[in-house]
Amino acid sequence: MTTVRITARPRGPLVVELGDAAVELVGPDGQPREPPPGKRLLLCRCGASKSKPLCDGSHNRIGFEAPPPEPDDGDAG
């Protein structure tokens, strides 16, 4: 089984490290999109990207900063 690693950058996108995993990318319109080549995706989370769901660097232009994480209540599920 391949592990996919997703890292949230504090002032930027979600970085998805795919390794050898396949991915299906769907746009906000519900239509499938061709993922860019490579083993990594950068997904927008600021909402300003013109190429959603992919990041286009708009977070820099708008000064995006992620909200602080919510405190962990110790409940693992």
PDB file of N, CA and C in Angstrom:
ATOM      1  N   MET A   1       0.842  -1.180   0.000  1.00  0.00           N
ATOM      2  CA  MET A   1       0.000   0.000   0.000  1.00  0.00           C
ATOM      3  C   MET A   1       0.890   1.247   0.000  1.00  0.00           C
ATOM      4  N   THR A   2       0.544   2.209  -0.830  1.00  0.00           N
ATOM      5  CA  THR A   2       1.280   3.458  -0.919  1.00  0.00           C
ATOM      6  C   THR A   2       0.687   4.464   0.050  1.00  0.00           C
ATOM      7  N   THR A   3       1.535   5.154   0.774  1.00  0.00           N
ATOM      8  CA  THR A   3       1.093   6.200   1.681  1.00  0.00           C
ATOM      9  C   THR A   3       1.175   7.539   0.976  1.00  0.00           C
ATOM     10  N   VAL A   4       0.097   8.300   1.039  1.00  0.00           N
ATOM     11  CA  VAL A   4       0.057   9.654   0.509  1.00  0.00           C
ATOM     12  C   VAL A   4       0.232  10.594   1.687  1.00  0.00           C
ATOM     13  N   ARG A   5       1.175  11.515   1.567  1.00  0.00           N
ATOM     14  CA  ARG A   5       1.439  12.467   2.650  1.00  0.00           C
ATOM     15  C   ARG A   5       0.888  13.828   2.251  1.00  0.00           C
ATOM     16  N   ILE A   6       0.095  14.440   3.134  1.00  0.00           N
ATOM     17  CA  ILE A   6      -0.480  15.763   2.886  1.00  0.00           C
ATOM     18  C   ILE A   6       0.010  16.701   3.985  1.00  0.00           C
ATOM     19  N   THR A   7       0.632  17.798   3.563  1.00  0.00           N
ATOM     20  CA  THR A   7       1.170  18.777   4.494  1.00  0.00           C
ATOM     21  C   THR A   7       0.545  20.133   4.208  1.00  0.00           C
ATOM     22  N   ALA A   8       0.035  20.781   5.245  1.00  0.00           N
ATOM     23  CA  ALA A   8      -0.531  22.119   5.100  1.00  0.00           C
ATOM     24  C   ALA A   8       0.570  23.143   5.362  1.00  0.00           C
ATOM     25  N   ARG A   9       0.838  23.976   4.373  1.00  0.00           N
ATOM     26  CA  ARG A   9       1.789  25.065   4.576  1.00  0.00           C
ATOM     27  C   ARG A   9       1.057  26.213   5.273  1.00  0.00           C
ATOM     28  N   PRO A  10       1.655  26.818   6.295  1.00  0.00           N
ATOM     29  CA  PRO A  10       0.965  27.847   7.083  1.00  0.00           C
ATOM     30  C   PRO A  10       0.453  29.026   6.251  1.00  0.00           C
ATOM     31  N   ARG A  11       1.169  29.401   5.233  1.00  0.00           N
ATOM     32  CA  ARG A  11       0.769  30.543   4.410  1.00  0.00           C
ATOM     33  C   ARG A  11       0.606  30.154   2.950  1.00  0.00           C
ATOM     34  N   GLY A  12       0.235  28.891   2.742  1.00  0.00           N
ATOM     35  CA  GLY A  12       0.161  28.421   1.371  1.00  0.00           C
ATOM     36  C   GLY A  12      -0.733  27.222   1.189  1.00  0.00           C
ATOM     37  N   PRO A  13      -0.427  26.436   0.166  1.00  0.00           N
ATOM     38  CA  PRO A  13      -1.306  25.338  -0.247  1.00  0.00           C
ATOM     39  C   PRO A  13      -1.154  24.086   0.609  1.00  0.00           C
ATOM     40  N   LEU A  14      -1.983  23.112   0.283  1.00  0.00           N
ATOM     41  CA  LEU A  14      -1.794  21.757   0.777  1.00  0.00           C
ATOM     42  C   LEU A  14      -0.841  21.075  -0.197  1.00  0.00           C
ATOM     43  N   VAL A  15       0.227  20.507   0.324  1.00  0.00           N
ATOM     44  CA  VAL A  15       1.196  19.800  -0.502  1.00  0.00           C
ATOM     45  C   VAL A  15       0.887  18.313  -0.388  1.00  0.00           C
ATOM     46  N   VAL A  16       0.564  17.692  -1.522  1.00  0.00           N
ATOM     47  CA  VAL A  16       0.199  16.279  -1.556  1.00  0.00           C
ATOM     48  C   VAL A  16       1.331  15.517  -2.222  1.00  0.00           C
ATOM     49  N   GLU A  17       2.038  14.718  -1.430  1.00  0.00           N
ATOM     50  CA  GLU A  17       3.135  13.880  -1.928  1.00  0.00           C
ATOM     51  C   GLU A  17       2.542  12.527  -2.281  1.00  0.00           C
ATOM     52  N   LEU A  18       2.486  12.226  -3.573  1.00  0.00           N
ATOM     53  CA  LEU A  18       1.788  11.041  -4.050  1.00  0.00           C
ATOM     54  C   LEU A  18       2.615   9.770  -4.061  1.00  0.00           C
ATOM     55  N   GLY A  19       3.920   9.899  -4.191  1.00  0.00           N
ATOM     56  CA  GLY A  19       4.717   8.696  -4.387  1.00  0.00           C
ATOM     57  C   GLY A  19       4.266   8.009  -5.661  1.00  0.00           C
ATOM     58  N   ASP A  20       3.930   6.728  -5.578  1.00  0.00           N
ATOM     59  CA  ASP A  20       3.450   5.983  -6.748  1.00  0.00           C
ATOM     60  C   ASP A  20       1.934   5.863  -6.786  1.00  0.00           C
ATOM     61  N   ALA A  21       1.236   6.550  -5.891  1.00  0.00           N
ATOM     62  CA  ALA A  21      -0.224   6.446  -5.830  1.00  0.00           C
ATOM     63  C   ALA A  21      -0.867   7.166  -7.007  1.00  0.00           C
ATOM     64  N   ALA A  22      -1.955   6.606  -7.478  1.00  0.00           N
ATOM     65  CA  ALA A  22      -2.753   7.262  -8.519  1.00  0.00           C
ATOM     66  C   ALA A  22      -3.688   8.262  -7.842  1.00  0.00           C
ATOM     67  N   VAL A  23      -4.070   9.289  -8.574  1.00  0.00           N
ATOM     68  CA  VAL A  23      -4.965  10.289  -8.014  1.00  0.00           C
ATOM     69  C   VAL A  23      -6.004  10.684  -9.063  1.00  0.00           C
ATOM     70  N   GLU A  24      -7.219  10.902  -8.599  1.00  0.00           N
ATOM     71  CA  GLU A  24      -8.268  11.443  -9.451  1.00  0.00           C
ATOM     72  C   GLU A  24      -8.520  12.862  -8.969  1.00  0.00           C
ATOM     73  N   LEU A  25      -8.366  13.822  -9.851  1.00  0.00           N
ATOM     74  CA  LEU A  25      -8.515  15.230  -9.509  1.00  0.00           C
ATOM     75  C   LEU A  25      -9.831  15.731 -10.091  1.00  0.00           C
ATOM     76  N   VAL A  26     -10.671  16.336  -9.249  1.00  0.00           N
ATOM     77  CA  VAL A  26     -11.965  16.844  -9.680  1.00  0.00           C
ATOM     78  C   VAL A  26     -12.025  18.328  -9.359  1.00  0.00           C
ATOM     79  N   GLY A  27     -12.433  19.136 -10.334  1.00  0.00           N
ATOM     80  CA  GLY A  27     -12.528  20.579 -10.159  1.00  0.00           C
ATOM     81  C   GLY A  27     -13.770  20.983  -9.401  1.00  0.00           C
ATOM     82  N   PRO A  28     -13.888  22.278  -9.060  1.00  0.00           N
ATOM     83  CA  PRO A  28     -15.047  22.756  -8.313  1.00  0.00           C
ATOM     84  C   PRO A  28     -16.361  22.626  -9.092  1.00  0.00           C
ATOM     85  N   ASP A  29     -16.248  22.450 -10.400  1.00  0.00           N
ATOM     86  CA  ASP A  29     -17.436  22.258 -11.228  1.00  0.00           C
ATOM     87  C   ASP A  29     -17.856  20.798 -11.301  1.00  0.00           C
ATOM     88  N   GLY A  30     -17.116  19.920 -10.598  1.00  0.00           N
ATOM     89  CA  GLY A  30     -17.430  18.500 -10.590  1.00  0.00           C
ATOM     90  C   GLY A  30     -16.834  17.726 -11.744  1.00  0.00           C
ATOM     91  N   GLN A  31     -16.128  18.408 -12.618  1.00  0.00           N
ATOM     92  CA  GLN A  31     -15.536  17.760 -13.786  1.00  0.00           C
ATOM     93  C   GLN A  31     -14.130  17.263 -13.479  1.00  0.00           C
ATOM     94  N   PRO A  32     -13.771  16.100 -14.016  1.00  0.00           N
ATOM     95  CA  PRO A  32     -12.411  15.597 -13.801  1.00  0.00           C
ATOM     96  C   PRO A  32     -11.389  16.510 -14.465  1.00  0.00           C
ATOM     97  N   ARG A  33     -10.262  16.635 -13.820  1.00  0.00           N
ATOM     98  CA  ARG A  33      -9.140  17.418 -14.349  1.00  0.00           C
ATOM     99  C   ARG A  33      -7.938  16.512 -14.457  1.00  0.00           C
ATOM    100  N   GLU A  34      -7.109  16.772 -15.430  1.00  0.00           N
ATOM    101  CA  GLU A  34      -5.867  16.023 -15.597  1.00  0.00           C
ATOM    102  C   GLU A  34      -4.870  16.543 -14.565  1.00  0.00           C
ATOM    103  N   PRO A  35      -4.399  15.688 -13.656  1.00  0.00           N
ATOM    104  CA  PRO A  35      -3.411  16.162 -12.690  1.00  0.00           C
ATOM    105  C   PRO A  35      -2.105  16.520 -13.390  1.00  0.00           C
ATOM    106  N   PRO A  36      -1.376  17.484 -12.863  1.00  0.00           N
ATOM    107  CA  PRO A  36      -0.087  17.811 -13.467  1.00  0.00           C
ATOM    108  C   PRO A  36       0.876  16.637 -13.337  1.00  0.00           C
ATOM    109  N   PRO A  37       1.858  16.556 -14.213  1.00  0.00           N
ATOM    110  CA  PRO A  37       2.819  15.450 -14.117  1.00  0.00           C
ATOM    111  C   PRO A  37       3.651  15.565 -12.848  1.00  0.00           C
ATOM    112  N   GLY A  38       4.108  14.453 -12.383  1.00  0.00           N
ATOM    113  CA  GLY A  38       4.984  14.452 -11.210  1.00  0.00           C
ATOM    114  C   GLY A  38       4.368  13.721 -10.037  1.00  0.00           C
ATOM    115  N   LYS A  39       5.070  13.743  -8.947  1.00  0.00           N
ATOM    116  CA  LYS A  39       4.692  12.987  -7.756  1.00  0.00           C
ATOM    117  C   LYS A  39       4.145  13.892  -6.660  1.00  0.00           C
ATOM    118  N   ARG A  40       3.841  15.176  -7.011  1.00  0.00           N
ATOM    119  CA  ARG A  40       3.401  16.131  -5.999  1.00  0.00           C
ATOM    120  C   ARG A  40       2.325  17.046  -6.574  1.00  0.00           C
ATOM    121  N   LEU A  41       1.293  17.303  -5.779  1.00  0.00           N
ATOM    122  CA  LEU A  41       0.252  18.254  -6.128  1.00  0.00           C
ATOM    123  C   LEU A  41       0.251  19.375  -5.106  1.00  0.00           C
ATOM    124  N   LEU A  42      -0.026  20.590  -5.554  1.00  0.00           N
ATOM    125  CA  LEU A  42      -0.210  21.714  -4.652  1.00  0.00           C
ATOM    126  C   LEU A  42      -1.665  22.140  -4.786  1.00  0.00           C
ATOM    127  N   LEU A  43      -2.434  21.959  -3.724  1.00  0.00           N
ATOM    128  CA  LEU A  43      -3.855  22.246  -3.746  1.00  0.00           C
ATOM    129  C   LEU A  43      -4.146  23.565  -3.036  1.00  0.00           C
ATOM    130  N   CYS A  44      -4.949  24.406  -3.685  1.00  0.00           N
ATOM    131  CA  CYS A  44      -5.312  25.710  -3.145  1.00  0.00           C
ATOM    132  C   CYS A  44      -6.140  25.551  -1.882  1.00  0.00           C
ATOM    133  N   ARG A  45      -5.852  26.392  -0.895  1.00  0.00           N
ATOM    134  CA  ARG A  45      -6.744  26.462   0.258  1.00  0.00           C
ATOM    135  C   ARG A  45      -7.062  27.900   0.636  1.00  0.00           C
ATOM    136  N   CYS A  46      -6.546  28.870  -0.157  1.00  0.00           N
ATOM    137  CA  CYS A  46      -6.865  30.269   0.115  1.00  0.00           C
ATOM    138  C   CYS A  46      -8.142  30.703  -0.584  1.00  0.00           C
ATOM    139  N   GLY A  47      -8.533  29.965  -1.624  1.00  0.00           N
ATOM    140  CA  GLY A  47      -9.744  30.275  -2.354  1.00  0.00           C
ATOM    141  C   GLY A  47      -9.571  31.247  -3.504  1.00  0.00           C
ATOM    142  N   ALA A  48      -8.363  31.777  -3.713  1.00  0.00           N
ATOM    143  CA  ALA A  48      -8.157  32.797  -4.739  1.00  0.00           C
ATOM    144  C   ALA A  48      -7.553  32.270  -6.040  1.00  0.00           C
ATOM    145  N   SER A  49      -7.173  31.001  -6.078  1.00  0.00           N
ATOM    146  CA  SER A  49      -6.533  30.445  -7.268  1.00  0.00           C
ATOM    147  C   SER A  49      -7.462  30.494  -8.474  1.00  0.00           C
ATOM    148  N   LYS A  50      -6.902  30.832  -9.607  1.00  0.00           N
ATOM    149  CA  LYS A  50      -7.664  30.820 -10.857  1.00  0.00           C
ATOM    150  C   LYS A  50      -7.634  29.431 -11.499  1.00  0.00           C
ATOM    151  N   SER A  51      -6.874  28.495 -10.919  1.00  0.00           N
ATOM    152  CA  SER A  51      -6.779  27.142 -11.472  1.00  0.00           C
ATOM    153  C   SER A  51      -7.222  26.096 -10.453  1.00  0.00           C
ATOM    154  N   LYS A  52      -8.232  26.433  -9.630  1.00  0.00           N
ATOM    155  CA  LYS A  52      -8.728  25.510  -8.606  1.00  0.00           C
ATOM    156  C   LYS A  52      -9.048  24.151  -9.212  1.00  0.00           C
ATOM    157  N   PRO A  53      -8.746  23.090  -8.540  1.00  0.00           N
ATOM    158  CA  PRO A  53      -8.307  22.988  -7.167  1.00  0.00           C
ATOM    159  C   PRO A  53      -6.803  23.146  -6.985  1.00  0.00           C
ATOM    160  N   LEU A  54      -6.066  23.423  -8.061  1.00  0.00           N
ATOM    161  CA  LEU A  54      -4.613  23.569  -7.960  1.00  0.00           C
ATOM    162  C   LEU A  54      -4.227  24.974  -7.502  1.00  0.00           C
ATOM    163  N   CYS A  55      -3.115  25.077  -6.826  1.00  0.00           N
ATOM    164  CA  CYS A  55      -2.575  26.348  -6.369  1.00  0.00           C
ATOM    165  C   CYS A  55      -1.879  27.051  -7.532  1.00  0.00           C
ATOM    166  N   ASP A  56      -2.107  28.355  -7.656  1.00  0.00           N
ATOM    167  CA  ASP A  56      -1.399  29.140  -8.665  1.00  0.00           C
ATOM    168  C   ASP A  56      -0.549  30.246  -8.041  1.00  0.00           C
ATOM    169  N   GLY A  57      -0.370  30.198  -6.727  1.00  0.00           N
ATOM    170  CA  GLY A  57       0.446  31.190  -6.034  1.00  0.00           C
ATOM    171  C   GLY A  57      -0.331  32.412  -5.568  1.00  0.00           C
ATOM    172  N   SER A  58      -1.638  32.429  -5.761  1.00  0.00           N
ATOM    173  CA  SER A  58      -2.451  33.588  -5.366  1.00  0.00           C
ATOM    174  C   SER A  58      -2.384  33.877  -3.868  1.00  0.00           C
ATOM    175  N   HIS A  59      -2.077  32.862  -3.059  1.00  0.00           N
ATOM    176  CA  HIS A  59      -1.977  33.079  -1.613  1.00  0.00           C
ATOM    177  C   HIS A  59      -0.948  34.157  -1.282  1.00  0.00           C
ATOM    178  N   ASN A  60       0.102  34.256  -2.096  1.00  0.00           N
ATOM    179  CA  ASN A  60       1.108  35.295  -1.878  1.00  0.00           C
ATOM    180  C   ASN A  60       0.532  36.682  -2.148  1.00  0.00           C
ATOM    181  N   ARG A  61      -0.241  36.788  -3.205  1.00  0.00           N
ATOM    182  CA  ARG A  61      -0.819  38.079  -3.601  1.00  0.00           C
ATOM    183  C   ARG A  61      -1.819  38.589  -2.571  1.00  0.00           C
ATOM    184  N   ILE A  62      -2.618  37.703  -2.005  1.00  0.00           N
ATOM    185  CA  ILE A  62      -3.666  38.141  -1.088  1.00  0.00           C
ATOM    186  C   ILE A  62      -3.238  38.112   0.382  1.00  0.00           C
ATOM    187  N   GLY A  63      -2.022  37.636   0.659  1.00  0.00           N
ATOM    188  CA  GLY A  63      -1.532  37.582   2.039  1.00  0.00           C
ATOM    189  C   GLY A  63      -2.228  36.525   2.887  1.00  0.00           C
ATOM    190  N   PHE A  64      -2.552  35.391   2.263  1.00  0.00           N
ATOM    191  CA  PHE A  64      -3.232  34.311   2.975  1.00  0.00           C
ATOM    192  C   PHE A  64      -2.429  33.830   4.166  1.00  0.00           C
ATOM    193  N   GLU A  65      -3.111  33.624   5.256  1.00  0.00           N
ATOM    194  CA  GLU A  65      -2.520  32.997   6.432  1.00  0.00           C
ATOM    195  C   GLU A  65      -3.570  32.074   7.022  1.00  0.00           C
ATOM    196  N   ALA A  66      -3.202  30.826   7.220  1.00  0.00           N
ATOM    197  CA  ALA A  66      -4.142  29.831   7.734  1.00  0.00           C
ATOM    198  C   ALA A  66      -4.528  30.167   9.167  1.00  0.00           C
ATOM    199  N   PRO A  67      -5.769  29.861   9.537  1.00  0.00           N
ATOM    200  CA  PRO A  67      -6.157  30.057  10.936  1.00  0.00           C
ATOM    201  C   PRO A  67      -5.354  29.115  11.825  1.00  0.00           C
ATOM    202  N   PRO A  68      -5.163  29.488  13.087  1.00  0.00           N
ATOM    203  CA  PRO A  68      -4.419  28.595  13.985  1.00  0.00           C
ATOM    204  C   PRO A  68      -5.179  27.289  14.171  1.00  0.00           C
ATOM    205  N   PRO A  69      -4.436  26.204  14.430  1.00  0.00           N
ATOM    206  CA  PRO A  69      -5.107  24.914  14.632  1.00  0.00           C
ATOM    207  C   PRO A  69      -5.986  24.951  15.876  1.00  0.00           C
ATOM    208  N   GLU A  70      -7.057  24.183  15.826  1.00  0.00           N
ATOM    209  CA  GLU A  70      -7.929  24.081  16.989  1.00  0.00           C
ATOM    210  C   GLU A  70      -7.252  23.189  18.029  1.00  0.00           C
ATOM    211  N   PRO A  71      -7.479  23.477  19.293  1.00  0.00           N
ATOM    212  CA  PRO A  71      -6.852  22.641  20.337  1.00  0.00           C
ATOM    213  C   PRO A  71      -7.318  21.202  20.243  1.00  0.00           C
ATOM    214  N   ASP A  72      -6.402  20.296  20.537  1.00  0.00           N
ATOM    215  CA  ASP A  72      -6.695  18.861  20.514  1.00  0.00           C
ATOM    216  C   ASP A  72      -7.414  18.518  21.824  1.00  0.00           C
ATOM    217  N   ASP A  73      -8.604  17.958  21.701  1.00  0.00           N
ATOM    218  CA  ASP A  73      -9.363  17.623  22.920  1.00  0.00           C
ATOM    219  C   ASP A  73      -9.006  16.237  23.463  1.00  0.00           C
ATOM    220  N   GLY A  74      -8.022  15.584  22.826  1.00  0.00           N
ATOM    221  CA  GLY A  74      -7.576  14.289  23.302  1.00  0.00           C
ATOM    222  C   GLY A  74      -8.443  13.138  22.841  1.00  0.00           C
ATOM    223  N   ASP A  75      -9.498  13.416  22.095  1.00  0.00           N
ATOM    224  CA  ASP A  75     -10.394  12.361  21.615  1.00  0.00           C
ATOM    225  C   ASP A  75      -9.873  11.847  20.277  1.00  0.00           C
ATOM    226  N   ALA A  76      -9.397  10.635  20.255  1.00  0.00           N
ATOM    227  CA  ALA A  76      -8.818  10.059  19.028  1.00  0.00           C
ATOM    228  C   ALA A  76      -9.912   9.448  18.161  1.00  0.00           C
ATOM    229  N   GLY A  77     -11.140   9.604  18.489  1.00  0.00           N
ATOM    230  CA  GLY A  77     -12.199   9.107  17.624  1.00  0.00           C
ATOM    231  C   GLY A  77     -12.986   8.095  18.287  1.00  0.00           C
TER     232      GLY A  77
END
